[in-house]
């Protein structure tokens, strides 16, 4: 027995959606999509600053490992110091540098510039100790963290002169990098003391803290701390 054409036609009509049903489905999908986007955006800032913190810790240990392994520069020179420069005037990046040819004419050159994730910046640098009694925490606008060959000893300095250069750069006696070169005794460098003591060097018994902030979310900060006495790196 054949099915009447009218029944077939009505059945085909029932296979589709009405305009109202389509609108309901699209509205639900829009709400779901918005919720997913909001959730992703809410997790992006914590994720990015955590990535920046992990990379900073990794790069600190990498620079230290360069000295322990006596890694040579691309030019073939042996580096006596690897240094990480943190400059609040350029808060979205930091630089791994090397000091070579210390015995005659010390030379400074950049090895690698590391860019931080979007919205993540270095917002504070502090050095605690520096042979003062009691220990104080001194803020710095530009700081150097150095590692000396062959044992990776940690050194700090709260100045970065020359801040910029076209390298390789020959280090001058008045440059902050010279304090690494002259490191023999751990004599405190006091910036407002004129003239600086001839034996003034970078500090080896201090603790430096680098603070990272994500401007996309208020109050979101991470810190990395380097202990000059133990050589350890911690973060929170």
Foldseek 3Di string as FASTA:
>chain_A
DDDDPVVVVVVVVVVDDDPVVVVVVVVVVVVVVVVVVVVCVVVVLVVQQVVQVVVVQVVLVVQLVCQQVQPADPVRFGFQKWKKKAALVPFQKIWIKTWTPLVPWIWIDTDDIDGGPPQKTFDWKWKWCLPDVPIDIHTARMKMWMAGPDNGQTFIDRDAVVPDDDPRDGDDCPGLVVLVSLPDDSHGFDPPDPPTPPSHHTHQQIKMKIKMDRPVDPPDIKIWMAGSVVRDIDID
